[in-house]
Amino acid sequence: MALNFEKMQANGDDFVIIDLRGRASDIDPSLVARMGDRNRGIGFNQLAAILDCDDADARIRFWNPDGSALDACGSATRGVASKLMREAGVSSVIVRTNRGLLPCKRESDELISVAMGKPLLGWRDLPLSGELDTLELPLAGSPSACSMGNPHCTYFVDDVSQVDVETIGRKIESHPMFPLKTNVHFVEVMGRDRIRLRIWERGGGIPLGSGSCSCGAVVNGIRRGLLDAVVQVECDGGVVTVQWDGSGSAFLSGPVTPVFKGSWFD
């Protein structure tokens, strides 16, 4: 049986969308892992499934390429929103994720913004293994942590080009302090309104970009007093904008581009 999909990318952060509206079927994690294999499958950083929803334009579920589930993905959320707006001929939609109801808006042809929800800052919210100050964790380098629906651990460094992202990222991702593992960021502050960001993504490795990681990195930078409320985030694949007032929802804005459509036969 064929499963239709659409692949998109946001500054090189690639994801696959499967539309399951009107269908009773669900996605099996083993299927996600087969599809996510870049050599034998489609390849992606995340997979998003669009589902029917009573109180929003659609509900979205997310998976990493290893088949593990996650609650937030800024790039794929914007991709689904772009698809929904294109189909309905509208400039705004509301989608439901495990983070709640997220308003999305088309700023221009490819530029899509989404309210990513209020960052979670308590140690139980990430969660951490014990009661710790999330502003400065007791790890070498004193990183900060928060949750955007998925856990984020942010290191602030002088020169991000000198960081061994894979070695450190892999080690911290599975540190006992993070029982559900964590995304790991390395941030070079280029100004109060701009950062350079490199990422080790939980369950995925090193991506060219990540919407939720961009939000987590900026939130932690604002908490540390290093950044203003609106920040340009320069990832390996391009630039997104994150806005946070220190208390409410974080807003993510950036380009989303369709790549191709296809059918998966399994």
C-alpha atoms as a PDB file:
ATOM      1  CA  MET A   1       0.000   0.000   0.000  1.00  0.00           C
ATOM      2  CA  ALA A   2       1.388   3.415  -0.966  1.00  0.00           C
ATOM      3  CA  LEU A   3       1.862   6.127   1.647  1.00  0.00           C
ATOM      4  CA  ASN A   4       2.055   9.569   0.067  1.00  0.00           C
ATOM      5  CA  PHE A   5       4.477  12.087   1.520  1.00  0.00           C
ATOM      6  CA  GLU A   6       5.863  15.559   0.924  1.00  0.00           C
ATOM      7  CA  LYS A   7       9.429  16.549   1.718  1.00  0.00           C
ATOM      8  CA  MET A   8      10.338  20.129   2.692  1.00  0.00           C
ATOM      9  CA  GLN A   9      13.347  21.944   4.101  1.00  0.00           C
ATOM     10  CA  ALA A  10      13.896  24.996   6.267  1.00  0.00           C
ATOM     11  CA  ASN A  11      17.445  26.309   5.827  1.00  0.00           C
ATOM     12  CA  GLY A  12      18.586  22.744   5.206  1.00  0.00           C
ATOM     13  CA  ASP A  13      16.647  21.298   8.163  1.00  0.00           C
ATOM     14  CA  ASP A  14      14.752  18.681   6.157  1.00  0.00           C
ATOM     15  CA  PHE A  15      11.530  16.967   7.165  1.00  0.00           C
ATOM     16  CA  VAL A  16       8.835  14.749   5.682  1.00  0.00           C
ATOM     17  CA  ILE A  17       5.102  15.349   6.034  1.00  0.00           C
ATOM     18  CA  ILE A  18       2.504  12.573   5.847  1.00  0.00           C
ATOM     19  CA  ASP A  19      -1.157  13.547   5.698  1.00  0.00           C
ATOM     20  CA  LEU A  20      -3.293  11.100   7.702  1.00  0.00           C
ATOM     21  CA  ARG A  21      -6.436  13.230   7.896  1.00  0.00           C
ATOM     22  CA  GLY A  22      -9.520  11.129   7.322  1.00  0.00           C
ATOM     23  CA  ARG A  23      -7.598   7.906   7.957  1.00  0.00           C
ATOM     24  CA  ALA A  24      -7.644   5.637  10.980  1.00  0.00           C
ATOM     25  CA  SER A  25      -4.073   4.429  10.440  1.00  0.00           C
ATOM     26  CA  ASP A  26      -1.126   5.581  12.522  1.00  0.00           C
ATOM     27  CA  ILE A  27       2.638   5.606  12.047  1.00  0.00           C
ATOM     28  CA  ASP A  28       4.720   2.776  13.505  1.00  0.00           C
ATOM     29  CA  PRO A  29       8.142   3.818  14.882  1.00  0.00           C
ATOM     30  CA  SER A  30       9.842   1.063  12.866  1.00  0.00           C
ATOM     31  CA  LEU A  31       8.342   2.536   9.691  1.00  0.00           C
ATOM     32  CA  VAL A  32       9.623   5.986  10.672  1.00  0.00           C
ATOM     33  CA  ALA A  33      13.135   4.560  11.137  1.00  0.00           C
ATOM     34  CA  ARG A  34      13.049   2.876   7.718  1.00  0.00           C
ATOM     35  CA  MET A  35      11.842   6.052   6.040  1.00  0.00           C
ATOM     36  CA  GLY A  36      14.394   8.151   7.917  1.00  0.00           C
ATOM     37  CA  ASP A  37      17.382   6.114   6.711  1.00  0.00           C
ATOM     38  CA  ARG A  38      19.285   8.421   4.330  1.00  0.00           C
ATOM     39  CA  ASN A  39      20.802   5.480   2.427  1.00  0.00           C
ATOM     40  CA  ARG A  40      17.851   3.096   2.173  1.00  0.00           C
ATOM     41  CA  GLY A  41      14.881   5.392   2.751  1.00  0.00           C
ATOM     42  CA  ILE A  42      13.888   9.012   2.191  1.00  0.00           C
ATOM     43  CA  GLY A  43      16.070  10.637   4.833  1.00  0.00           C
ATOM     44  CA  PHE A  44      14.995  13.491   7.096  1.00  0.00           C
ATOM     45  CA  ASN A  45      15.666  15.176  10.417  1.00  0.00           C
ATOM     46  CA  GLN A  46      12.021  14.809  11.483  1.00  0.00           C
ATOM     47  CA  LEU A  47       8.788  13.287  10.253  1.00  0.00           C
ATOM     48  CA  ALA A  48       5.456  15.038  10.847  1.00  0.00           C
ATOM     49  CA  ALA A  49       2.040  13.413  10.543  1.00  0.00           C
ATOM     50  CA  ILE A  50      -1.032  15.600   9.987  1.00  0.00           C
ATOM     51  CA  LEU A  51      -4.092  14.309  11.850  1.00  0.00           C
ATOM     52  CA  ASP A  52      -7.714  15.383  12.173  1.00  0.00           C
ATOM     53  CA  CYS A  53      -8.447  17.809  15.012  1.00  0.00           C
ATOM     54  CA  ASP A  54     -11.692  19.164  16.501  1.00  0.00           C
ATOM     55  CA  ASP A  55     -10.354  22.461  17.876  1.00  0.00           C
ATOM     56  CA  ALA A  56      -7.689  23.452  15.329  1.00  0.00           C
ATOM     57  CA  ASP A  57      -7.011  23.272  11.612  1.00  0.00           C
ATOM     58  CA  ALA A  58      -5.015  20.080  12.212  1.00  0.00           C
ATOM     59  CA  ARG A  59      -3.067  18.148  14.825  1.00  0.00           C
ATOM     60  CA  ILE A  60       0.604  17.278  14.259  1.00  0.00           C
ATOM     61  CA  ARG A  61       2.715  14.448  15.655  1.00  0.00           C
ATOM     62  CA  PHE A  62       6.510  14.336  15.280  1.00  0.00           C
ATOM     63  CA  TRP A  63       9.222  11.654  15.142  1.00  0.00           C
ATOM     64  CA  ASN A  64      13.014  11.659  14.929  1.00  0.00           C
ATOM     65  CA  PRO A  65      14.672   9.569  12.189  1.00  0.00           C
ATOM     66  CA  ASP A  66      15.439   6.808  14.705  1.00  0.00           C
ATOM     67  CA  GLY A  67      11.694   6.365  15.307  1.00  0.00           C
ATOM     68  CA  SER A  68      11.579   8.110  18.685  1.00  0.00           C
ATOM     69  CA  ALA A  69       8.729  10.564  19.258  1.00  0.00           C
ATOM     70  CA  LEU A  70       9.093  14.221  20.179  1.00  0.00           C
ATOM     71  CA  ASP A  71       6.665  16.962  21.162  1.00  0.00           C
ATOM     72  CA  ALA A  72       8.070  19.953  19.271  1.00  0.00           C
ATOM     73  CA  CYS A  73       9.634  20.692  15.894  1.00  0.00           C
ATOM     74  CA  GLY A  74       9.660  24.310  14.759  1.00  0.00           C
ATOM     75  CA  SER A  75      10.677  23.591  11.166  1.00  0.00           C
ATOM     76  CA  ALA A  76       8.108  20.860  10.524  1.00  0.00           C
ATOM     77  CA  THR A  77       5.380  22.860  12.291  1.00  0.00           C
ATOM     78  CA  ARG A  78       6.012  25.729   9.884  1.00  0.00           C
ATOM     79  CA  GLY A  79       6.087  23.279   6.971  1.00  0.00           C
ATOM     80  CA  VAL A  80       2.720  21.777   7.876  1.00  0.00           C
ATOM     81  CA  ALA A  81       1.296  25.268   8.411  1.00  0.00           C
ATOM     82  CA  SER A  82       2.557  26.340   4.980  1.00  0.00           C
ATOM     83  CA  LYS A  83       0.914  23.302   3.399  1.00  0.00           C
ATOM     84  CA  LEU A  84      -2.395  23.908   5.197  1.00  0.00           C
ATOM     85  CA  MET A  85      -2.425  27.608   4.266  1.00  0.00           C
ATOM     86  CA  ARG A  86      -1.580  26.835   0.646  1.00  0.00           C
ATOM     87  CA  GLU A  87      -4.382  24.278   0.389  1.00  0.00           C
ATOM     88  CA  ALA A  88      -6.990  26.528   2.047  1.00  0.00           C
ATOM     89  CA  GLY A  89      -5.879  29.760   0.370  1.00  0.00           C
ATOM     90  CA  VAL A  90      -5.455  31.536   3.725  1.00  0.00           C
ATOM     91  CA  SER A  91      -2.581  33.368   5.413  1.00  0.00           C
ATOM     92  CA  SER A  92      -2.934  31.959   8.922  1.00  0.00           C
ATOM     93  CA  VAL A  93      -3.855  28.682  10.644  1.00  0.00           C
ATOM     94  CA  ILE A  94      -3.827  27.202  14.119  1.00  0.00           C
ATOM     95  CA  VAL A  95      -2.337  23.761  14.672  1.00  0.00           C
ATOM     96  CA  ARG A  96      -2.351  21.560  17.747  1.00  0.00           C
ATOM     97  CA  THR A  97       0.758  19.743  18.928  1.00  0.00           C
ATOM     98  CA  ASN A  98       1.627  18.271  22.300  1.00  0.00           C
ATOM     99  CA  ARG A  99       2.680  21.850  23.138  1.00  0.00           C
ATOM    100  CA  GLY A 100      -0.922  23.019  22.754  1.00  0.00           C
ATOM    101  CA  LEU A 101      -2.529  25.302  20.171  1.00  0.00           C
ATOM    102  CA  LEU A 102       0.080  27.087  18.024  1.00  0.00           C
ATOM    103  CA  PRO A 103      -0.931  30.041  15.785  1.00  0.00           C
ATOM    104  CA  CYS A 104       0.982  30.174  12.493  1.00  0.00           C
ATOM    105  CA  LYS A 105       1.156  32.915   9.875  1.00  0.00           C
ATOM    106  CA  ARG A 106       2.541  33.386   6.373  1.00  0.00           C
ATOM    107  CA  GLU A 107       4.725  36.496   6.394  1.00  0.00           C
ATOM    108  CA  SER A 108       5.679  36.142   2.685  1.00  0.00           C
ATOM    109  CA  ASP A 109       5.807  33.412   0.016  1.00  0.00           C
ATOM    110  CA  GLU A 110       8.346  31.263   1.896  1.00  0.00           C
ATOM    111  CA  LEU A 111       8.572  33.007   5.283  1.00  0.00           C
ATOM    112  CA  ILE A 112       6.407  31.297   7.918  1.00  0.00           C
ATOM    113  CA  SER A 113       6.129  32.227  11.609  1.00  0.00           C
ATOM    114  CA  VAL A 114       4.820  30.136  14.497  1.00  0.00           C
ATOM    115  CA  ALA A 115       4.157  30.794  18.165  1.00  0.00           C
ATOM    116  CA  MET A 116       6.145  27.939  19.715  1.00  0.00           C
ATOM    117  CA  GLY A 117       4.612  28.173  23.169  1.00  0.00           C
ATOM    118  CA  LYS A 118       5.958  29.306  26.516  1.00  0.00           C
ATOM    119  CA  PRO A 119       9.415  27.925  27.377  1.00  0.00           C
ATOM    120  CA  LEU A 120       9.514  25.587  30.364  1.00  0.00           C
ATOM    121  CA  LEU A 121      12.279  26.433  32.810  1.00  0.00           C
ATOM    122  CA  GLY A 122      11.816  24.195  35.855  1.00  0.00           C
ATOM    123  CA  TRP A 123      13.983  21.126  36.414  1.00  0.00           C
ATOM    124  CA  ARG A 124      10.924  18.861  36.408  1.00  0.00           C
ATOM    125  CA  ASP A 125       9.793  20.301  33.070  1.00  0.00           C
ATOM    126  CA  LEU A 126      12.834  19.193  31.078  1.00  0.00           C
ATOM    127  CA  PRO A 127      13.062  16.845  33.019  1.00  0.00           C
ATOM    128  CA  LEU A 128      16.356  16.667  34.917  1.00  0.00           C
ATOM    129  CA  SER A 129      17.321  13.782  37.160  1.00  0.00           C
ATOM    130  CA  GLY A 130      17.169  15.955  40.273  1.00  0.00           C
ATOM    131  CA  GLU A 131      16.455  19.424  41.623  1.00  0.00           C
ATOM    132  CA  LEU A 132      18.994  21.651  39.879  1.00  0.00           C
ATOM    133  CA  ASP A 133      19.235  25.272  38.771  1.00  0.00           C
ATOM    134  CA  THR A 134      18.506  25.176  35.026  1.00  0.00           C
ATOM    135  CA  LEU A 135      20.199  28.550  34.495  1.00  0.00           C
ATOM    136  CA  GLU A 136      23.633  27.075  35.240  1.00  0.00           C
ATOM    137  CA  LEU A 137      23.887  23.294  35.331  1.00  0.00           C
ATOM    138  CA  PRO A 138      26.698  21.637  37.335  1.00  0.00           C
ATOM    139  CA  LEU A 139      28.531  20.480  34.206  1.00  0.00           C
ATOM    140  CA  ALA A 140      31.848  21.649  32.782  1.00  0.00           C
ATOM    141  CA  GLY A 141      31.100  24.843  30.864  1.00  0.00           C
ATOM    142  CA  SER A 142      28.036  25.660  33.046  1.00  0.00           C
ATOM    143  CA  PRO A 143      25.380  25.265  30.322  1.00  0.00           C
ATOM    144  CA  SER A 144      21.781  26.445  30.678  1.00  0.00           C
ATOM    145  CA  ALA A 145      18.732  24.268  30.070  1.00  0.00           C
ATOM    146  CA  CYS A 146      15.086  24.743  29.151  1.00  0.00           C
ATOM    147  CA  SER A 147      12.317  22.875  27.363  1.00  0.00           C
ATOM    148  CA  MET A 148      10.388  23.883  24.263  1.00  0.00           C
ATOM    149  CA  GLY A 149       8.431  20.642  24.527  1.00  0.00           C
ATOM    150  CA  ASN A 150      11.759  18.873  24.032  1.00  0.00           C
ATOM    151  CA  PRO A 151      14.821  19.375  26.283  1.00  0.00           C
ATOM    152  CA  HIS A 152      17.609  21.810  25.350  1.00  0.00           C
ATOM    153  CA  CYS A 153      21.069  22.232  26.884  1.00  0.00           C
ATOM    154  CA  THR A 154      22.957  25.353  25.751  1.00  0.00           C
ATOM    155  CA  TYR A 155      26.692  26.035  25.982  1.00  0.00           C
ATOM    156  CA  PHE A 156      27.965  29.580  25.406  1.00  0.00           C
ATOM    157  CA  VAL A 157      31.419  29.521  23.803  1.00  0.00           C
ATOM    158  CA  ASP A 158      33.938  32.030  22.453  1.00  0.00           C
ATOM    159  CA  ASP A 159      34.344  30.368  19.035  1.00  0.00           C
ATOM    160  CA  VAL A 160      31.805  27.800  17.910  1.00  0.00           C
ATOM    161  CA  SER A 161      34.062  26.721  15.029  1.00  0.00           C
ATOM    162  CA  GLN A 162      36.498  25.270  17.552  1.00  0.00           C
ATOM    163  CA  VAL A 163      33.905  23.029  19.254  1.00  0.00           C
ATOM    164  CA  ASP A 164      33.835  19.281  18.600  1.00  0.00           C
ATOM    165  CA  VAL A 165      30.054  19.217  18.275  1.00  0.00           C
ATOM    166  CA  GLU A 166      29.719  15.473  17.715  1.00  0.00           C
ATOM    167  CA  THR A 167      31.954  14.311  20.565  1.00  0.00           C
ATOM    168  CA  ILE A 168      30.576  16.691  23.176  1.00  0.00           C
ATOM    169  CA  GLY A 169      27.021  16.587  21.871  1.00  0.00           C
ATOM    170  CA  ARG A 170      26.833  12.800  21.865  1.00  0.00           C
ATOM    171  CA  LYS A 171      28.203  12.666  25.420  1.00  0.00           C
ATOM    172  CA  ILE A 172      25.852  15.294  26.857  1.00  0.00           C
ATOM    173  CA  GLU A 173      22.789  13.977  24.972  1.00  0.00           C
ATOM    174  CA  SER A 174      22.934  10.772  27.031  1.00  0.00           C
ATOM    175  CA  HIS A 175      24.228  12.258  30.302  1.00  0.00           C
ATOM    176  CA  PRO A 176      22.433  10.797  33.368  1.00  0.00           C
ATOM    177  CA  MET A 177      21.299  14.326  34.252  1.00  0.00           C
ATOM    178  CA  PHE A 178      18.857  14.093  31.309  1.00  0.00           C
ATOM    179  CA  PRO A 179      16.680  10.984  31.737  1.00  0.00           C
ATOM    180  CA  LEU A 180      14.913  11.615  28.389  1.00  0.00           C
ATOM    181  CA  LYS A 181      18.185  12.726  26.727  1.00  0.00           C
ATOM    182  CA  THR A 182      18.609  16.267  25.417  1.00  0.00           C
ATOM    183  CA  ASN A 183      19.388  18.433  22.426  1.00  0.00           C
ATOM    184  CA  VAL A 184      22.770  20.160  22.833  1.00  0.00           C
ATOM    185  CA  HIS A 185      23.580  23.657  21.498  1.00  0.00           C
ATOM    186  CA  PHE A 186      26.825  25.555  21.127  1.00  0.00           C
ATOM    187  CA  VAL A 187      26.299  29.312  20.883  1.00  0.00           C
ATOM    188  CA  GLU A 188      28.700  32.065  19.908  1.00  0.00           C
ATOM    189  CA  VAL A 189      27.195  35.450  20.755  1.00  0.00           C
ATOM    190  CA  MET A 190      27.975  37.795  17.844  1.00  0.00           C
ATOM    191  CA  GLY A 191      25.921  40.662  19.265  1.00  0.00           C
ATOM    192  CA  ARG A 192      22.886  41.134  21.468  1.00  0.00           C
ATOM    193  CA  ASP A 193      20.703  40.571  18.410  1.00  0.00           C
ATOM    194  CA  ARG A 194      22.613  37.769  16.646  1.00  0.00           C
ATOM    195  CA  ILE A 195      24.139  34.380  17.497  1.00  0.00           C
ATOM    196  CA  ARG A 196      25.982  31.651  15.646  1.00  0.00           C
ATOM    197  CA  LEU A 197      24.510  28.263  16.554  1.00  0.00           C
ATOM    198  CA  ARG A 198      25.651  24.704  16.029  1.00  0.00           C
ATOM    199  CA  ILE A 199      23.538  21.785  17.190  1.00  0.00           C
ATOM    200  CA  TRP A 200      23.693  18.163  18.267  1.00  0.00           C
ATOM    201  CA  GLU A 201      20.108  16.948  17.951  1.00  0.00           C
ATOM    202  CA  ARG A 202      18.700  14.272  20.236  1.00  0.00           C
ATOM    203  CA  GLY A 203      18.104  11.154  18.145  1.00  0.00           C
ATOM    204  CA  GLY A 204      19.378  12.771  14.961  1.00  0.00           C
ATOM    205  CA  GLY A 205      22.992  13.991  15.065  1.00  0.00           C
ATOM    206  CA  ILE A 206      24.197  17.274  13.543  1.00  0.00           C
ATOM    207  CA  PRO A 207      21.541  19.088  11.468  1.00  0.00           C
ATOM    208  CA  LEU A 208      21.981  22.175   9.314  1.00  0.00           C
ATOM    209  CA  GLY A 209      19.377  23.892  11.465  1.00  0.00           C
ATOM    210  CA  SER A 210      16.549  23.357  13.943  1.00  0.00           C
ATOM    211  CA  GLY A 211      13.623  25.586  14.825  1.00  0.00           C
ATOM    212  CA  SER A 212      13.072  24.360  18.368  1.00  0.00           C
ATOM    213  CA  CYS A 213      16.823  24.376  19.080  1.00  0.00           C
ATOM    214  CA  SER A 214      17.047  27.953  17.785  1.00  0.00           C
ATOM    215  CA  CYS A 215      14.280  28.887  20.213  1.00  0.00           C
ATOM    216  CA  GLY A 216      15.887  27.035  23.116  1.00  0.00           C
ATOM    217  CA  ALA A 217      19.273  28.638  22.483  1.00  0.00           C
ATOM    218  CA  VAL A 218      17.825  32.161  22.355  1.00  0.00           C
ATOM    219  CA  VAL A 219      15.664  31.606  25.442  1.00  0.00           C
ATOM    220  CA  ASN A 220      18.705  30.467  27.404  1.00  0.00           C
ATOM    221  CA  GLY A 221      20.762  33.389  26.088  1.00  0.00           C
ATOM    222  CA  ILE A 222      18.101  35.879  27.176  1.00  0.00           C
ATOM    223  CA  ARG A 223      17.900  34.238  30.583  1.00  0.00           C
ATOM    224  CA  ARG A 224      21.666  34.649  30.950  1.00  0.00           C
ATOM    225  CA  GLY A 225      21.400  38.356  30.094  1.00  0.00           C
ATOM    226  CA  LEU A 226      23.386  37.949  26.875  1.00  0.00           C
ATOM    227  CA  LEU A 227      20.690  38.697  24.293  1.00  0.00           C
ATOM    228  CA  ASP A 228      17.865  41.111  23.526  1.00  0.00           C
ATOM    229  CA  ALA A 229      14.268  40.083  22.847  1.00  0.00           C
ATOM    230  CA  VAL A 230      14.653  39.650  19.061  1.00  0.00           C
ATOM    231  CA  VAL A 231      17.575  37.569  17.798  1.00  0.00           C
ATOM    232  CA  GLN A 232      18.835  36.447  14.394  1.00  0.00           C
ATOM    233  CA  VAL A 233      20.036  32.843  14.684  1.00  0.00           C
ATOM    234  CA  GLU A 234      22.684  31.816  12.172  1.00  0.00           C
ATOM    235  CA  CYS A 235      22.756  28.023  11.800  1.00  0.00           C
ATOM    236  CA  ASP A 236      24.883  25.997   9.378  1.00  0.00           C
ATOM    237  CA  GLY A 237      22.062  26.106   6.818  1.00  0.00           C
ATOM    238  CA  GLY A 238      20.815  29.681   7.156  1.00  0.00           C
ATOM    239  CA  VAL A 239      19.172  32.251   9.405  1.00  0.00           C
ATOM    240  CA  VAL A 240      15.919  32.259  11.396  1.00  0.00           C
ATOM    241  CA  THR A 241      14.513  34.862  13.788  1.00  0.00           C
ATOM    242  CA  VAL A 242      13.473  34.107  17.365  1.00  0.00           C
ATOM    243  CA  GLN A 243      11.568  36.527  19.582  1.00  0.00           C
ATOM    244  CA  TRP A 244      10.877  36.089  23.304  1.00  0.00           C
ATOM    245  CA  ASP A 245       9.742  38.692  25.838  1.00  0.00           C
ATOM    246  CA  GLY A 246      11.040  36.733  28.825  1.00  0.00           C
ATOM    247  CA  SER A 247       7.688  35.402  29.984  1.00  0.00           C
ATOM    248  CA  GLY A 248       5.263  34.473  27.174  1.00  0.00           C
ATOM    249  CA  SER A 249       5.461  32.400  24.024  1.00  0.00           C
ATOM    250  CA  ALA A 250       8.605  32.227  21.917  1.00  0.00           C
ATOM    251  CA  PHE A 251       8.066  33.119  18.258  1.00  0.00           C
ATOM    252  CA  LEU A 252      10.001  31.521  15.410  1.00  0.00           C
ATOM    253  CA  SER A 253      10.129  32.900  11.870  1.00  0.00           C
ATOM    254  CA  GLY A 254      12.021  31.613   8.850  1.00  0.00           C
ATOM    255  CA  PRO A 255      11.789  30.227   5.315  1.00  0.00           C
ATOM    256  CA  VAL A 256      10.185  26.917   4.409  1.00  0.00           C
ATOM    257  CA  THR A 257      10.603  25.412   0.944  1.00  0.00           C
ATOM    258  CA  PRO A 258       8.909  22.360  -0.650  1.00  0.00           C
ATOM    259  CA  VAL A 259      11.416  19.895  -2.109  1.00  0.00           C
ATOM    260  CA  PHE A 260       9.492  16.997  -3.657  1.00  0.00           C
ATOM    261  CA  LYS A 261       6.492  14.715  -3.284  1.00  0.00           C
ATOM    262  CA  GLY A 262       6.479  10.934  -3.503  1.00  0.00           C
ATOM    263  CA  SER A 263       4.968   7.635  -2.417  1.00  0.00           C
ATOM    264  CA  TRP A 264       6.437   5.134   0.029  1.00  0.00           C
ATOM    265  CA  PHE A 265       5.759   1.445  -0.658  1.00  0.00           C
ATOM    266  CA  ASP A 266       6.185  -0.831   2.329  1.00  0.00           C
END
